[in-house]
Amino acid sequence: MTLAAEHCAPLDANAALASPDEAAALRAEIPEWRIADADDGTPKLERAFRFETFAQALAFANAVGEEAEAENHHPRLVIEWGRVTVQWWTHSLGGLHRNDFVMAARADALARARKP
C-alpha cells in the first residue's frame, strides 16, 4: 500500500515519533518534501506547491484542508499568489509521526490530480 492510500492512525498515550531511520524510509516515498526545523525547532515536513494563479493555489489549499478535516490531522498552510506552502507535523507529539508522511503523500496526490 502506498502512503497516499493510508489513513492517519489514531494517536494515544503510546504513540511515538518516527525514528530517524523510519523518517528517512518514509521520506523516500515523498522526495519533494524536506524536513525543516521551522521557527520553533520542531521538525516539520515542508513543500511549496506552485500554481499559475491565485485561484488555483486557493483551490488546492481548500482540497488539502478537506483531506485534513477528513483525517483529523491539520497542517500549516501559507497561501500566496501561485504558491501554497504546506507543513505537516504532529503537534501533540512535537515532531514527525507516520501520519505526517501519509498526509504529505496525500497532498502530492491532490497536486498531481490538478495538473492538466
N, C-alpha and C. Protein backbone atom coordinates (compact mmCIF):
# COMPACT_ATOMS: atom_id res chain seq x y z
N MET A 1 0.85 -1.18 0.00
CA MET A 1 0.00 0.00 0.00
C MET A 1 0.90 1.25 0.00
N THR A 2 0.54 2.23 -0.80
CA THR A 2 1.30 3.47 -0.82
C THR A 2 0.88 4.36 0.34
N LEU A 3 1.74 5.29 0.68
CA LEU A 3 1.42 6.21 1.77
C LEU A 3 0.12 6.96 1.50
N ALA A 4 -0.10 7.39 0.27
CA ALA A 4 -1.28 8.18 -0.06
C ALA A 4 -2.57 7.39 0.14
N ALA A 5 -2.49 6.06 0.12
CA ALA A 5 -3.67 5.22 0.29
C ALA A 5 -3.96 4.93 1.77
N GLU A 6 -3.02 5.27 2.64
CA GLU A 6 -3.21 5.02 4.06
C GLU A 6 -4.08 6.10 4.69
N HIS A 7 -4.58 5.79 5.87
CA HIS A 7 -5.30 6.75 6.70
C HIS A 7 -4.46 7.04 7.93
N CYS A 8 -4.68 8.17 8.53
CA CYS A 8 -3.96 8.52 9.75
C CYS A 8 -4.38 7.60 10.88
N ALA A 9 -3.39 7.15 11.62
CA ALA A 9 -3.65 6.30 12.78
C ALA A 9 -4.08 7.18 13.95
N PRO A 10 -5.05 6.71 14.72
CA PRO A 10 -5.41 7.46 15.93
C PRO A 10 -4.21 7.49 16.88
N LEU A 11 -3.99 8.61 17.52
CA LEU A 11 -2.87 8.73 18.45
C LEU A 11 -3.36 8.53 19.87
N ASP A 12 -2.55 7.83 20.65
CA ASP A 12 -2.86 7.63 22.06
C ASP A 12 -1.59 7.87 22.87
N ALA A 13 -1.64 7.53 24.13
CA ALA A 13 -0.50 7.78 25.02
C ALA A 13 0.74 6.99 24.61
N ASN A 14 0.56 5.92 23.82
CA ASN A 14 1.70 5.11 23.39
C ASN A 14 2.26 5.54 22.04
N ALA A 15 1.68 6.54 21.42
CA ALA A 15 2.15 6.99 20.11
C ALA A 15 3.58 7.54 20.22
N ALA A 16 4.36 7.23 19.22
CA ALA A 16 5.77 7.66 19.23
C ALA A 16 6.09 8.39 17.94
N LEU A 17 7.04 9.27 18.03
CA LEU A 17 7.55 9.94 16.85
C LEU A 17 8.23 8.92 15.94
N ALA A 18 8.32 9.24 14.67
CA ALA A 18 9.06 8.40 13.73
C ALA A 18 10.54 8.43 14.11
N SER A 19 11.17 7.28 14.09
CA SER A 19 12.61 7.23 14.34
C SER A 19 13.32 7.84 13.15
N PRO A 20 14.59 8.23 13.29
CA PRO A 20 15.32 8.76 12.14
C PRO A 20 15.34 7.79 10.95
N ASP A 21 15.50 6.49 11.21
CA ASP A 21 15.50 5.52 10.11
C ASP A 21 14.13 5.42 9.45
N GLU A 22 13.07 5.41 10.26
CA GLU A 22 11.72 5.36 9.71
C GLU A 22 11.43 6.62 8.90
N ALA A 23 11.79 7.77 9.43
CA ALA A 23 11.57 9.03 8.72
C ALA A 23 12.29 9.03 7.38
N ALA A 24 13.52 8.54 7.34
CA ALA A 24 14.28 8.50 6.09
C ALA A 24 13.61 7.57 5.08
N ALA A 25 13.13 6.42 5.53
CA ALA A 25 12.46 5.48 4.63
C ALA A 25 11.15 6.07 4.11
N LEU A 26 10.38 6.71 4.97
CA LEU A 26 9.12 7.31 4.55
C LEU A 26 9.34 8.49 3.62
N ARG A 27 10.36 9.28 3.91
CA ARG A 27 10.65 10.44 3.08
C ARG A 27 11.05 10.04 1.66
N ALA A 28 11.59 8.85 1.51
CA ALA A 28 11.94 8.36 0.17
C ALA A 28 10.69 8.24 -0.72
N GLU A 29 9.53 8.08 -0.09
CA GLU A 29 8.28 7.99 -0.85
C GLU A 29 7.71 9.37 -1.21
N ILE A 30 8.24 10.41 -0.60
CA ILE A 30 7.77 11.78 -0.87
C ILE A 30 9.00 12.67 -1.10
N PRO A 31 9.76 12.42 -2.16
CA PRO A 31 11.07 13.06 -2.34
C PRO A 31 11.05 14.57 -2.48
N GLU A 32 9.93 15.16 -2.82
CA GLU A 32 9.90 16.62 -2.99
C GLU A 32 9.69 17.36 -1.68
N TRP A 33 9.48 16.63 -0.61
CA TRP A 33 9.32 17.23 0.71
C TRP A 33 10.67 17.29 1.40
N ARG A 34 10.83 18.31 2.23
CA ARG A 34 12.05 18.40 3.04
C ARG A 34 11.66 18.43 4.51
N ILE A 35 12.60 18.03 5.34
CA ILE A 35 12.37 18.15 6.77
C ILE A 35 13.00 19.46 7.21
N ALA A 36 12.17 20.34 7.70
CA ALA A 36 12.60 21.69 8.08
C ALA A 36 12.41 21.87 9.58
N ASP A 37 13.38 22.45 10.22
CA ASP A 37 13.22 22.89 11.60
C ASP A 37 12.79 24.35 11.52
N ALA A 38 11.51 24.54 11.45
CA ALA A 38 10.96 25.87 11.20
C ALA A 38 11.23 26.81 12.37
N ASP A 39 10.33 27.67 12.64
CA ASP A 39 10.51 28.75 13.60
C ASP A 39 10.75 28.32 15.03
N ASP A 40 10.29 27.14 15.42
CA ASP A 40 10.40 26.75 16.82
C ASP A 40 11.32 25.55 17.07
N GLY A 41 12.05 25.11 16.05
CA GLY A 41 12.96 23.98 16.21
C GLY A 41 12.29 22.62 16.10
N THR A 42 10.98 22.57 15.94
CA THR A 42 10.27 21.31 15.77
C THR A 42 10.41 20.86 14.32
N PRO A 43 10.84 19.63 14.08
CA PRO A 43 10.93 19.16 12.69
C PRO A 43 9.55 19.10 12.05
N LYS A 44 9.48 19.58 10.82
CA LYS A 44 8.23 19.61 10.07
C LYS A 44 8.51 19.19 8.64
N LEU A 45 7.60 18.46 8.04
CA LEU A 45 7.67 18.20 6.61
C LEU A 45 7.18 19.45 5.90
N GLU A 46 7.89 19.88 4.87
CA GLU A 46 7.52 21.12 4.18
C GLU A 46 7.71 20.97 2.68
N ARG A 47 6.77 21.52 1.96
CA ARG A 47 6.86 21.58 0.50
C ARG A 47 6.07 22.78 0.00
N ALA A 48 6.61 23.45 -1.00
CA ALA A 48 5.91 24.54 -1.67
C ALA A 48 5.38 24.00 -3.00
N PHE A 49 4.09 24.17 -3.23
CA PHE A 49 3.44 23.78 -4.47
C PHE A 49 3.21 25.04 -5.29
N ARG A 50 3.51 24.99 -6.57
CA ARG A 50 3.36 26.16 -7.45
C ARG A 50 2.16 25.99 -8.37
N PHE A 51 1.48 27.12 -8.61
CA PHE A 51 0.31 27.15 -9.46
C PHE A 51 0.38 28.39 -10.34
N GLU A 52 -0.40 28.39 -11.39
CA GLU A 52 -0.37 29.52 -12.33
C GLU A 52 -1.17 30.72 -11.85
N THR A 53 -2.12 30.49 -10.95
CA THR A 53 -2.96 31.59 -10.48
C THR A 53 -3.21 31.47 -8.98
N PHE A 54 -3.66 32.56 -8.42
CA PHE A 54 -4.06 32.54 -7.01
C PHE A 54 -5.25 31.61 -6.81
N ALA A 55 -6.19 31.64 -7.75
CA ALA A 55 -7.39 30.80 -7.62
C ALA A 55 -7.01 29.32 -7.59
N GLN A 56 -6.06 28.91 -8.39
CA GLN A 56 -5.61 27.51 -8.37
C GLN A 56 -4.95 27.18 -7.04
N ALA A 57 -4.14 28.10 -6.53
CA ALA A 57 -3.49 27.88 -5.24
C ALA A 57 -4.53 27.76 -4.13
N LEU A 58 -5.51 28.63 -4.16
CA LEU A 58 -6.56 28.61 -3.14
C LEU A 58 -7.37 27.31 -3.22
N ALA A 59 -7.70 26.87 -4.42
CA ALA A 59 -8.46 25.63 -4.59
C ALA A 59 -7.66 24.44 -4.05
N PHE A 60 -6.36 24.43 -4.31
CA PHE A 60 -5.51 23.36 -3.78
C PHE A 60 -5.49 23.39 -2.25
N ALA A 61 -5.30 24.57 -1.69
CA ALA A 61 -5.27 24.70 -0.23
C ALA A 61 -6.59 24.21 0.38
N ASN A 62 -7.70 24.54 -0.26
CA ASN A 62 -9.00 24.06 0.23
C ASN A 62 -9.11 22.54 0.15
N ALA A 63 -8.57 21.95 -0.93
CA ALA A 63 -8.59 20.49 -1.07
C ALA A 63 -7.74 19.83 0.02
N VAL A 64 -6.58 20.41 0.30
CA VAL A 64 -5.74 19.89 1.39
C VAL A 64 -6.49 20.02 2.71
N GLY A 65 -7.16 21.14 2.91
CA GLY A 65 -7.93 21.34 4.12
C GLY A 65 -9.04 20.31 4.28
N GLU A 66 -9.71 19.95 3.20
CA GLU A 66 -10.75 18.92 3.26
C GLU A 66 -10.17 17.57 3.65
N GLU A 67 -9.01 17.22 3.07
CA GLU A 67 -8.34 15.96 3.45
C GLU A 67 -7.95 16.00 4.93
N ALA A 68 -7.45 17.14 5.37
CA ALA A 68 -7.03 17.29 6.77
C ALA A 68 -8.22 17.09 7.71
N GLU A 69 -9.34 17.68 7.37
CA GLU A 69 -10.54 17.51 8.20
C GLU A 69 -10.99 16.06 8.23
N ALA A 70 -10.95 15.41 7.07
CA ALA A 70 -11.39 14.01 6.99
C ALA A 70 -10.50 13.10 7.83
N GLU A 71 -9.22 13.44 7.94
CA GLU A 71 -8.28 12.61 8.70
C GLU A 71 -8.02 13.14 10.10
N ASN A 72 -8.59 14.28 10.43
CA ASN A 72 -8.37 14.93 11.73
C ASN A 72 -6.87 15.13 12.00
N HIS A 73 -6.20 15.60 10.97
CA HIS A 73 -4.76 15.89 11.08
C HIS A 73 -4.51 17.13 10.23
N HIS A 74 -4.10 18.21 10.85
CA HIS A 74 -4.15 19.52 10.20
C HIS A 74 -2.77 20.12 10.00
N PRO A 75 -2.55 20.72 8.83
CA PRO A 75 -1.25 21.31 8.50
C PRO A 75 -1.23 22.81 8.75
N ARG A 76 -0.07 23.36 8.55
CA ARG A 76 0.06 24.82 8.38
C ARG A 76 0.03 25.04 6.88
N LEU A 77 -0.82 25.94 6.45
CA LEU A 77 -0.94 26.31 5.03
C LEU A 77 -0.63 27.79 4.88
N VAL A 78 0.27 28.11 3.98
CA VAL A 78 0.54 29.50 3.64
C VAL A 78 0.19 29.66 2.17
N ILE A 79 -0.81 30.49 1.91
CA ILE A 79 -1.33 30.68 0.55
C ILE A 79 -0.85 32.03 0.03
N GLU A 80 -0.21 31.99 -1.13
CA GLU A 80 0.27 33.20 -1.78
C GLU A 80 -0.16 33.13 -3.25
N TRP A 81 0.10 34.18 -3.99
CA TRP A 81 -0.22 34.15 -5.41
C TRP A 81 0.61 33.05 -6.06
N GLY A 82 -0.08 32.04 -6.60
CA GLY A 82 0.59 30.98 -7.36
C GLY A 82 1.39 30.00 -6.53
N ARG A 83 1.21 30.00 -5.22
CA ARG A 83 2.03 29.13 -4.39
C ARG A 83 1.31 28.81 -3.08
N VAL A 84 1.44 27.56 -2.66
CA VAL A 84 0.94 27.12 -1.35
C VAL A 84 2.08 26.36 -0.69
N THR A 85 2.48 26.81 0.49
CA THR A 85 3.47 26.09 1.27
C THR A 85 2.72 25.31 2.35
N VAL A 86 3.02 24.01 2.42
CA VAL A 86 2.35 23.11 3.35
C VAL A 86 3.39 22.57 4.32
N GLN A 87 3.05 22.58 5.59
CA GLN A 87 3.88 21.95 6.62
C GLN A 87 3.02 20.98 7.41
N TRP A 88 3.57 19.79 7.61
CA TRP A 88 2.93 18.76 8.43
C TRP A 88 3.84 18.41 9.59
N TRP A 89 3.27 18.29 10.76
CA TRP A 89 3.93 17.72 11.93
C TRP A 89 2.83 17.37 12.92
N THR A 90 3.17 16.53 13.86
CA THR A 90 2.18 16.11 14.84
C THR A 90 2.34 16.98 16.07
N HIS A 91 1.45 17.94 16.19
CA HIS A 91 1.53 18.95 17.24
C HIS A 91 1.62 18.32 18.63
N SER A 92 0.76 17.33 18.88
CA SER A 92 0.69 16.75 20.22
C SER A 92 1.96 15.99 20.62
N LEU A 93 2.73 15.53 19.63
CA LEU A 93 3.97 14.81 19.92
C LEU A 93 5.21 15.70 19.76
N GLY A 94 5.03 16.85 19.15
CA GLY A 94 6.15 17.77 18.96
C GLY A 94 7.17 17.32 17.93
N GLY A 95 6.69 16.67 16.88
CA GLY A 95 7.61 16.23 15.84
C GLY A 95 6.89 15.45 14.75
N LEU A 96 7.63 14.57 14.09
CA LEU A 96 7.10 13.85 12.94
C LEU A 96 6.65 12.44 13.32
N HIS A 97 5.44 12.13 12.91
CA HIS A 97 4.82 10.81 13.09
C HIS A 97 4.50 10.29 11.69
N ARG A 98 4.27 9.01 11.56
CA ARG A 98 3.92 8.44 10.25
C ARG A 98 2.73 9.19 9.62
N ASN A 99 1.78 9.64 10.43
CA ASN A 99 0.63 10.37 9.91
C ASN A 99 1.05 11.58 9.06
N ASP A 100 2.14 12.24 9.43
CA ASP A 100 2.58 13.41 8.68
C ASP A 100 3.03 13.02 7.27
N PHE A 101 3.69 11.88 7.17
CA PHE A 101 4.15 11.39 5.87
C PHE A 101 2.97 10.94 5.02
N VAL A 102 1.98 10.34 5.65
CA VAL A 102 0.75 9.95 4.96
C VAL A 102 0.08 11.19 4.37
N MET A 103 -0.06 12.22 5.16
CA MET A 103 -0.74 13.42 4.69
C MET A 103 0.08 14.16 3.63
N ALA A 104 1.39 14.13 3.73
CA ALA A 104 2.23 14.72 2.68
C ALA A 104 2.01 13.99 1.36
N ALA A 105 1.95 12.66 1.42
CA ALA A 105 1.71 11.88 0.20
C ALA A 105 0.33 12.18 -0.37
N ARG A 106 -0.65 12.39 0.50
CA ARG A 106 -1.99 12.74 0.03
C ARG A 106 -2.00 14.12 -0.63
N ALA A 107 -1.24 15.05 -0.07
CA ALA A 107 -1.14 16.38 -0.70
C ALA A 107 -0.50 16.27 -2.07
N ASP A 108 0.54 15.44 -2.19
CA ASP A 108 1.15 15.22 -3.51
C ASP A 108 0.13 14.68 -4.50
N ALA A 109 -0.69 13.72 -4.06
CA ALA A 109 -1.70 13.15 -4.94
C ALA A 109 -2.72 14.20 -5.36
N LEU A 110 -3.10 15.07 -4.45
CA LEU A 110 -4.03 16.15 -4.80
C LEU A 110 -3.40 17.08 -5.84
N ALA A 111 -2.13 17.39 -5.67
CA ALA A 111 -1.44 18.28 -6.63
C ALA A 111 -1.37 17.62 -8.01
N ARG A 112 -1.04 16.33 -8.04
CA ARG A 112 -0.97 15.62 -9.33
C ARG A 112 -2.33 15.61 -10.01
N ALA A 113 -3.39 15.45 -9.27
CA ALA A 113 -4.73 15.41 -9.83
C ALA A 113 -5.14 16.75 -10.44
N ARG A 114 -4.50 17.84 -10.01
CA ARG A 114 -4.85 19.17 -10.51
C ARG A 114 -4.03 19.59 -11.72
N LYS A 115 -3.01 18.82 -12.05
CA LYS A 115 -2.17 19.16 -13.22
C LYS A 115 -2.91 18.76 -14.49
N PRO A 116 -2.82 19.62 -15.53
CA PRO A 116 -3.51 19.27 -16.80
C PRO A 116 -2.85 18.10 -17.50
